[in-house]
Amino acid sequence: DKLIKEENLKEEEARRFIENSFRDGLMKTTGTDIDRIMPPVSRFASNSRTIKKQTIIDKLLAFFEKYFGLV
């Protein structure tokens, strides 16, 4: 919940993404999966979308690595 709120992620999509990652045993960080959970970010602001996406990926991976062994 904290990560979803901090990064203003789309709640339902983010929960599904995280649940699927734990089910599959890996977090897919390529393709459109991350884009689906991201909040709207201006595509015209230099590279802010890229930075935001990488920040989200880093936080999701840290969360996954921390809790994967516990599930």
PDB file of N, CA and C in Angstrom:
ATOM      1  N   ASP A   1       0.824  -1.199   0.000  1.00  0.00           N
ATOM      2  CA  ASP A   1       0.000   0.000   0.000  1.00  0.00           C
ATOM      3  C   ASP A   1       0.867   1.260   0.000  1.00  0.00           C
ATOM      4  N   LYS A   2       1.918   1.236   0.811  1.00  0.00           N
ATOM      5  CA  LYS A   2       2.773   2.416   0.927  1.00  0.00           C
ATOM      6  C   LYS A   2       3.426   2.758  -0.415  1.00  0.00           C
ATOM      7  N   LEU A   3       3.975   1.761  -1.067  1.00  0.00           N
ATOM      8  CA  LEU A   3       4.639   1.974  -2.353  1.00  0.00           C
ATOM      9  C   LEU A   3       3.652   2.474  -3.408  1.00  0.00           C
ATOM     10  N   ILE A   4       2.471   1.895  -3.433  1.00  0.00           N
ATOM     11  CA  ILE A   4       1.445   2.304  -4.400  1.00  0.00           C
ATOM     12  C   ILE A   4       1.075   3.766  -4.184  1.00  0.00           C
ATOM     13  N   LYS A   5       0.908   4.151  -2.925  1.00  0.00           N
ATOM     14  CA  LYS A   5       0.537   5.537  -2.611  1.00  0.00           C
ATOM     15  C   LYS A   5       1.696   6.502  -2.863  1.00  0.00           C
ATOM     16  N   GLU A   6       2.904   6.115  -2.436  1.00  0.00           N
ATOM     17  CA  GLU A   6       4.082   6.981  -2.614  1.00  0.00           C
ATOM     18  C   GLU A   6       4.321   7.330  -4.078  1.00  0.00           C
ATOM     19  N   GLU A   7       4.180   6.341  -4.932  1.00  0.00           N
ATOM     20  CA  GLU A   7       4.472   6.546  -6.354  1.00  0.00           C
ATOM     21  C   GLU A   7       3.218   6.842  -7.167  1.00  0.00           C
ATOM     22  N   ASN A   8       2.085   6.951  -6.478  1.00  0.00           N
ATOM     23  CA  ASN A   8       0.812   7.278  -7.133  1.00  0.00           C
ATOM     24  C   ASN A   8       0.485   6.294  -8.258  1.00  0.00           C
ATOM     25  N   LEU A   9       0.729   4.998  -7.987  1.00  0.00           N
ATOM     26  CA  LEU A   9       0.489   3.966  -8.991  1.00  0.00           C
ATOM     27  C   LEU A   9      -1.003   3.688  -9.116  1.00  0.00           C
ATOM     28  N   LYS A  10      -1.385   3.156 -10.254  1.00  0.00           N
ATOM     29  CA  LYS A  10      -2.774   2.735 -10.458  1.00  0.00           C
ATOM     30  C   LYS A  10      -2.983   1.504  -9.585  1.00  0.00           C
ATOM     31  N   GLU A  11      -3.820   1.649  -8.561  1.00  0.00           N
ATOM     32  CA  GLU A  11      -3.892   0.656  -7.493  1.00  0.00           C
ATOM     33  C   GLU A  11      -4.229  -0.755  -7.972  1.00  0.00           C
ATOM     34  N   GLU A  12      -5.302  -0.911  -8.683  1.00  0.00           N
ATOM     35  CA  GLU A  12      -5.726  -2.252  -9.097  1.00  0.00           C
ATOM     36  C   GLU A  12      -4.676  -2.918  -9.987  1.00  0.00           C
ATOM     37  N   GLU A  13      -4.163  -2.179 -10.959  1.00  0.00           N
ATOM     38  CA  GLU A  13      -3.158  -2.716 -11.868  1.00  0.00           C
ATOM     39  C   GLU A  13      -1.860  -3.042 -11.134  1.00  0.00           C
ATOM     40  N   ALA A  14      -1.469  -2.191 -10.195  1.00  0.00           N
ATOM     41  CA  ALA A  14      -0.235  -2.417  -9.436  1.00  0.00           C
ATOM     42  C   ALA A  14      -0.353  -3.664  -8.568  1.00  0.00           C
ATOM     43  N   ARG A  15      -1.483  -3.831  -7.906  1.00  0.00           N
ATOM     44  CA  ARG A  15      -1.689  -5.027  -7.075  1.00  0.00           C
ATOM     45  C   ARG A  15      -1.635  -6.295  -7.931  1.00  0.00           C
ATOM     46  N   ARG A  16      -2.277  -6.254  -9.079  1.00  0.00           N
ATOM     47  CA  ARG A  16      -2.272  -7.405  -9.985  1.00  0.00           C
ATOM     48  C   ARG A  16      -0.847  -7.706 -10.455  1.00  0.00           C
ATOM     49  N   PHE A  17      -0.107  -6.659 -10.813  1.00  0.00           N
ATOM     50  CA  PHE A  17       1.278  -6.824 -11.264  1.00  0.00           C
ATOM     51  C   PHE A  17       2.129  -7.472 -10.169  1.00  0.00           C
ATOM     52  N   ILE A  18       1.993  -6.992  -8.941  1.00  0.00           N
ATOM     53  CA  ILE A  18       2.775  -7.529  -7.822  1.00  0.00           C
ATOM     54  C   ILE A  18       2.371  -8.971  -7.527  1.00  0.00           C
ATOM     55  N   GLU A  19       1.075  -9.248  -7.497  1.00  0.00           N
ATOM     56  CA  GLU A  19       0.602 -10.620  -7.257  1.00  0.00           C
ATOM     57  C   GLU A  19       1.123 -11.568  -8.333  1.00  0.00           C
ATOM     58  N   ASN A  20       1.059 -11.151  -9.580  1.00  0.00           N
ATOM     59  CA  ASN A  20       1.558 -11.984 -10.680  1.00  0.00           C
ATOM     60  C   ASN A  20       3.059 -12.215 -10.564  1.00  0.00           C
ATOM     61  N   SER A  21       3.790 -11.209 -10.120  1.00  0.00           N
ATOM     62  CA  SER A  21       5.239 -11.346  -9.950  1.00  0.00           C
ATOM     63  C   SER A  21       5.558 -12.393  -8.894  1.00  0.00           C
ATOM     64  N   PHE A  22       4.847 -12.357  -7.777  1.00  0.00           N
ATOM     65  CA  PHE A  22       5.075 -13.353  -6.731  1.00  0.00           C
ATOM     66  C   PHE A  22       4.651 -14.738  -7.207  1.00  0.00           C
ATOM     67  N   ARG A  23       3.568 -14.824  -7.936  1.00  0.00           N
ATOM     68  CA  ARG A  23       3.090 -16.106  -8.458  1.00  0.00           C
ATOM     69  C   ARG A  23       4.107 -16.705  -9.425  1.00  0.00           C
ATOM     70  N   ASP A  24       4.658 -15.853 -10.313  1.00  0.00           N
ATOM     71  CA  ASP A  24       5.582 -16.322 -11.343  1.00  0.00           C
ATOM     72  C   ASP A  24       7.010 -16.476 -10.841  1.00  0.00           C
ATOM     73  N   GLY A  25       7.319 -15.870  -9.698  1.00  0.00           N
ATOM     74  CA  GLY A  25       8.658 -15.968  -9.146  1.00  0.00           C
ATOM     75  C   GLY A  25       9.656 -15.011  -9.760  1.00  0.00           C
ATOM     76  N   LEU A  26       9.171 -14.034 -10.519  1.00  0.00           N
ATOM     77  CA  LEU A  26      10.052 -13.023 -11.100  1.00  0.00           C
ATOM     78  C   LEU A  26       9.254 -11.766 -11.382  1.00  0.00           C
ATOM     79  N   MET A  27       9.967 -10.657 -11.395  1.00  0.00           N
ATOM     80  CA  MET A  27       9.329  -9.377 -11.667  1.00  0.00           C
ATOM     81  C   MET A  27       9.755  -8.924 -13.058  1.00  0.00           C
ATOM     82  N   LYS A  28       8.790  -8.843 -13.948  1.00  0.00           N
ATOM     83  CA  LYS A  28       9.050  -8.450 -15.335  1.00  0.00           C
ATOM     84  C   LYS A  28       9.162  -6.927 -15.408  1.00  0.00           C
ATOM     85  N   THR A  29      10.348  -6.443 -15.763  1.00  0.00           N
ATOM     86  CA  THR A  29      10.575  -4.993 -15.794  1.00  0.00           C
ATOM     87  C   THR A  29      10.705  -4.454 -17.210  1.00  0.00           C
ATOM     88  N   THR A  30      10.528  -5.320 -18.199  1.00  0.00           N
ATOM     89  CA  THR A  30      10.564  -4.872 -19.587  1.00  0.00           C
ATOM     90  C   THR A  30       9.166  -4.987 -20.177  1.00  0.00           C
ATOM     91  N   GLY A  31       8.971  -4.406 -21.324  1.00  0.00           N
ATOM     92  CA  GLY A  31       7.652  -4.450 -21.952  1.00  0.00           C
ATOM     93  C   GLY A  31       6.745  -3.371 -21.392  1.00  0.00           C
ATOM     94  N   THR A  32       5.448  -3.601 -21.486  1.00  0.00           N
ATOM     95  CA  THR A  32       4.476  -2.571 -21.107  1.00  0.00           C
ATOM     96  C   THR A  32       3.886  -2.766 -19.720  1.00  0.00           C
ATOM     97  N   ASP A  33       4.292  -3.805 -19.003  1.00  0.00           N
ATOM     98  CA  ASP A  33       3.710  -4.071 -17.683  1.00  0.00           C
ATOM     99  C   ASP A  33       3.887  -2.900 -16.725  1.00  0.00           C
ATOM    100  N   ILE A  34       5.069  -2.340 -16.662  1.00  0.00           N
ATOM    101  CA  ILE A  34       5.322  -1.207 -15.767  1.00  0.00           C
ATOM    102  C   ILE A  34       4.539   0.017 -16.233  1.00  0.00           C
ATOM    103  N   ASP A  35       4.489   0.221 -17.543  1.00  0.00           N
ATOM    104  CA  ASP A  35       3.744   1.373 -18.080  1.00  0.00           C
ATOM    105  C   ASP A  35       2.279   1.347 -17.659  1.00  0.00           C
ATOM    106  N   ARG A  36       1.701   0.156 -17.564  1.00  0.00           N
ATOM    107  CA  ARG A  36       0.286   0.033 -17.200  1.00  0.00           C
ATOM    108  C   ARG A  36      -0.007   0.473 -15.773  1.00  0.00           C
ATOM    109  N   ILE A  37       0.975   0.371 -14.902  1.00  0.00           N
ATOM    110  CA  ILE A  37       0.727   0.721 -13.497  1.00  0.00           C
ATOM    111  C   ILE A  37       1.173   2.141 -13.154  1.00  0.00           C
ATOM    112  N   MET A  38       1.902   2.774 -14.068  1.00  0.00           N
ATOM    113  CA  MET A  38       2.428   4.123 -13.810  1.00  0.00           C
ATOM    114  C   MET A  38       1.339   5.188 -13.847  1.00  0.00           C
ATOM    115  N   PRO A  39       1.523   6.213 -13.039  1.00  0.00           N
ATOM    116  CA  PRO A  39       0.606   7.356 -13.123  1.00  0.00           C
ATOM    117  C   PRO A  39       0.892   8.127 -14.410  1.00  0.00           C
ATOM    118  N   PRO A  40      -0.032   8.957 -14.837  1.00  0.00           N
ATOM    119  CA  PRO A  40       0.235   9.771 -16.032  1.00  0.00           C
ATOM    120  C   PRO A  40       1.438  10.690 -15.794  1.00  0.00           C
ATOM    121  N   VAL A  41       2.367  10.674 -16.734  1.00  0.00           N
ATOM    122  CA  VAL A  41       3.548  11.540 -16.676  1.00  0.00           C
ATOM    123  C   VAL A  41       3.682  12.179 -18.050  1.00  0.00           C
ATOM    124  N   SER A  42       3.963  13.452 -18.073  1.00  0.00           N
ATOM    125  CA  SER A  42       4.097  14.160 -19.345  1.00  0.00           C
ATOM    126  C   SER A  42       5.184  13.523 -20.199  1.00  0.00           C
ATOM    127  N   ARG A  43       4.849  13.214 -21.416  1.00  0.00           N
ATOM    128  CA  ARG A  43       5.830  12.639 -22.341  1.00  0.00           C
ATOM    129  C   ARG A  43       6.692  13.730 -22.976  1.00  0.00           C
ATOM    130  N   PHE A  44       6.342  14.972 -22.735  1.00  0.00           N
ATOM    131  CA  PHE A  44       7.068  16.081 -23.343  1.00  0.00           C
ATOM    132  C   PHE A  44       8.150  16.645 -22.432  1.00  0.00           C
ATOM    133  N   ALA A  45       8.100  16.329 -21.165  1.00  0.00           N
ATOM    134  CA  ALA A  45       9.105  16.817 -20.218  1.00  0.00           C
ATOM    135  C   ALA A  45      10.354  15.948 -20.350  1.00  0.00           C
ATOM    136  N   SER A  46      11.373  16.463 -20.957  1.00  0.00           N
ATOM    137  CA  SER A  46      12.639  15.796 -21.280  1.00  0.00           C
ATOM    138  C   SER A  46      12.631  14.298 -20.990  1.00  0.00           C
ATOM    139  N   ASN A  47      13.216  13.873 -19.885  1.00  0.00           N
ATOM    140  CA  ASN A  47      13.260  12.440 -19.592  1.00  0.00           C
ATOM    141  C   ASN A  47      12.624  12.127 -18.238  1.00  0.00           C
ATOM    142  N   SER A  48      11.673  12.928 -17.823  1.00  0.00           N
ATOM    143  CA  SER A  48      11.052  12.706 -16.513  1.00  0.00           C
ATOM    144  C   SER A  48      10.306  11.376 -16.458  1.00  0.00           C
ATOM    145  N   ARG A  49       9.718  10.949 -17.572  1.00  0.00           N
ATOM    146  CA  ARG A  49       9.010   9.667 -17.601  1.00  0.00           C
ATOM    147  C   ARG A  49       9.994   8.509 -17.401  1.00  0.00           C
ATOM    148  N   THR A  50      11.137   8.599 -18.061  1.00  0.00           N
ATOM    149  CA  THR A  50      12.157   7.559 -17.934  1.00  0.00           C
ATOM    150  C   THR A  50      12.664   7.477 -16.499  1.00  0.00           C
ATOM    151  N   ILE A  51      12.909   8.627 -15.895  1.00  0.00           N
ATOM    152  CA  ILE A  51      13.388   8.668 -14.510  1.00  0.00           C
ATOM    153  C   ILE A  51      12.325   8.104 -13.572  1.00  0.00           C
ATOM    154  N   LYS A  52      11.078   8.508 -13.751  1.00  0.00           N
ATOM    155  CA  LYS A  52       9.978   8.021 -12.912  1.00  0.00           C
ATOM    156  C   LYS A  52       9.831   6.509 -13.060  1.00  0.00           C
ATOM    157  N   LYS A  53       9.901   6.010 -14.283  1.00  0.00           N
ATOM    158  CA  LYS A  53       9.768   4.574 -14.529  1.00  0.00           C
ATOM    159  C   LYS A  53      10.891   3.809 -13.837  1.00  0.00           C
ATOM    160  N   GLN A  54      12.122   4.299 -13.940  1.00  0.00           N
ATOM    161  CA  GLN A  54      13.249   3.618 -13.304  1.00  0.00           C
ATOM    162  C   GLN A  54      13.121   3.640 -11.789  1.00  0.00           C
ATOM    163  N   THR A  55      12.644   4.738 -11.232  1.00  0.00           N
ATOM    164  CA  THR A  55      12.423   4.831  -9.787  1.00  0.00           C
ATOM    165  C   THR A  55      11.405   3.789  -9.340  1.00  0.00           C
ATOM    166  N   ILE A  56      10.326   3.663 -10.088  1.00  0.00           N
ATOM    167  CA  ILE A  56       9.290   2.678  -9.763  1.00  0.00           C
ATOM    168  C   ILE A  56       9.851   1.266  -9.864  1.00  0.00           C
ATOM    169  N   ILE A  57      10.592   0.978 -10.925  1.00  0.00           N
ATOM    170  CA  ILE A  57      11.196  -0.347 -11.092  1.00  0.00           C
ATOM    171  C   ILE A  57      12.113  -0.662  -9.920  1.00  0.00           C
ATOM    172  N   ASP A  58      12.967   0.284  -9.540  1.00  0.00           N
ATOM    173  CA  ASP A  58      13.898   0.065  -8.428  1.00  0.00           C
ATOM    174  C   ASP A  58      13.154  -0.247  -7.136  1.00  0.00           C
ATOM    175  N   LYS A  59      12.095   0.503  -6.854  1.00  0.00           N
ATOM    176  CA  LYS A  59      11.332   0.289  -5.622  1.00  0.00           C
ATOM    177  C   LYS A  59      10.573  -1.032  -5.656  1.00  0.00           C
ATOM    178  N   LEU A  60       9.998  -1.370  -6.806  1.00  0.00           N
ATOM    179  CA  LEU A  60       9.283  -2.642  -6.926  1.00  0.00           C
ATOM    180  C   LEU A  60      10.234  -3.824  -6.770  1.00  0.00           C
ATOM    181  N   LEU A  61      11.411  -3.741  -7.379  1.00  0.00           N
ATOM    182  CA  LEU A  61      12.391  -4.819  -7.253  1.00  0.00           C
ATOM    183  C   LEU A  61      12.861  -4.981  -5.810  1.00  0.00           C
ATOM    184  N   ALA A  62      13.084  -3.878  -5.121  1.00  0.00           N
ATOM    185  CA  ALA A  62      13.494  -3.941  -3.713  1.00  0.00           C
ATOM    186  C   ALA A  62      12.397  -4.602  -2.878  1.00  0.00           C
ATOM    187  N   PHE A  63      11.149  -4.230  -3.117  1.00  0.00           N
ATOM    188  CA  PHE A  63      10.008  -4.825  -2.413  1.00  0.00           C
ATOM    189  C   PHE A  63       9.933  -6.320  -2.706  1.00  0.00           C
ATOM    190  N   PHE A  64      10.047  -6.685  -3.969  1.00  0.00           N
ATOM    191  CA  PHE A  64       9.962  -8.081  -4.389  1.00  0.00           C
ATOM    192  C   PHE A  64      11.073  -8.908  -3.748  1.00  0.00           C
ATOM    193  N   GLU A  65      12.306  -8.416  -3.814  1.00  0.00           N
ATOM    194  CA  GLU A  65      13.439  -9.146  -3.252  1.00  0.00           C
ATOM    195  C   GLU A  65      13.318  -9.298  -1.741  1.00  0.00           C
ATOM    196  N   LYS A  66      12.758  -8.303  -1.085  1.00  0.00           N
ATOM    197  CA  LYS A  66      12.601  -8.341   0.371  1.00  0.00           C
ATOM    198  C   LYS A  66      11.570  -9.381   0.800  1.00  0.00           C
ATOM    199  N   TYR A  67      10.459  -9.474   0.064  1.00  0.00           N
ATOM    200  CA  TYR A  67       9.346 -10.309   0.504  1.00  0.00           C
ATOM    201  C   TYR A  67       9.158 -11.608  -0.266  1.00  0.00           C
ATOM    202  N   PHE A  68       9.879 -11.832  -1.352  1.00  0.00           N
ATOM    203  CA  PHE A  68       9.636 -13.021  -2.166  1.00  0.00           C
ATOM    204  C   PHE A  68       9.846 -14.309  -1.385  1.00  0.00           C
ATOM    205  N   GLY A  69      10.881 -14.390  -0.605  1.00  0.00           N
ATOM    206  CA  GLY A  69      11.157 -15.600   0.166  1.00  0.00           C
ATOM    207  C   GLY A  69      10.147 -15.872   1.264  1.00  0.00           C
ATOM    208  N   LEU A  70       9.366 -14.880   1.626  1.00  0.00           N
ATOM    209  CA  LEU A  70       8.400 -15.022   2.715  1.00  0.00           C
ATOM    210  C   LEU A  70       7.040 -15.515   2.251  1.00  0.00           C
ATOM    211  N   VAL A  71       6.809 -15.470   0.950  1.00  0.00           N
ATOM    212  CA  VAL A  71       5.486 -15.848   0.427  1.00  0.00           C
ATOM    213  C   VAL A  71       5.459 -17.310   0.102  1.00  0.00           C
TER     214      VAL A  71
END
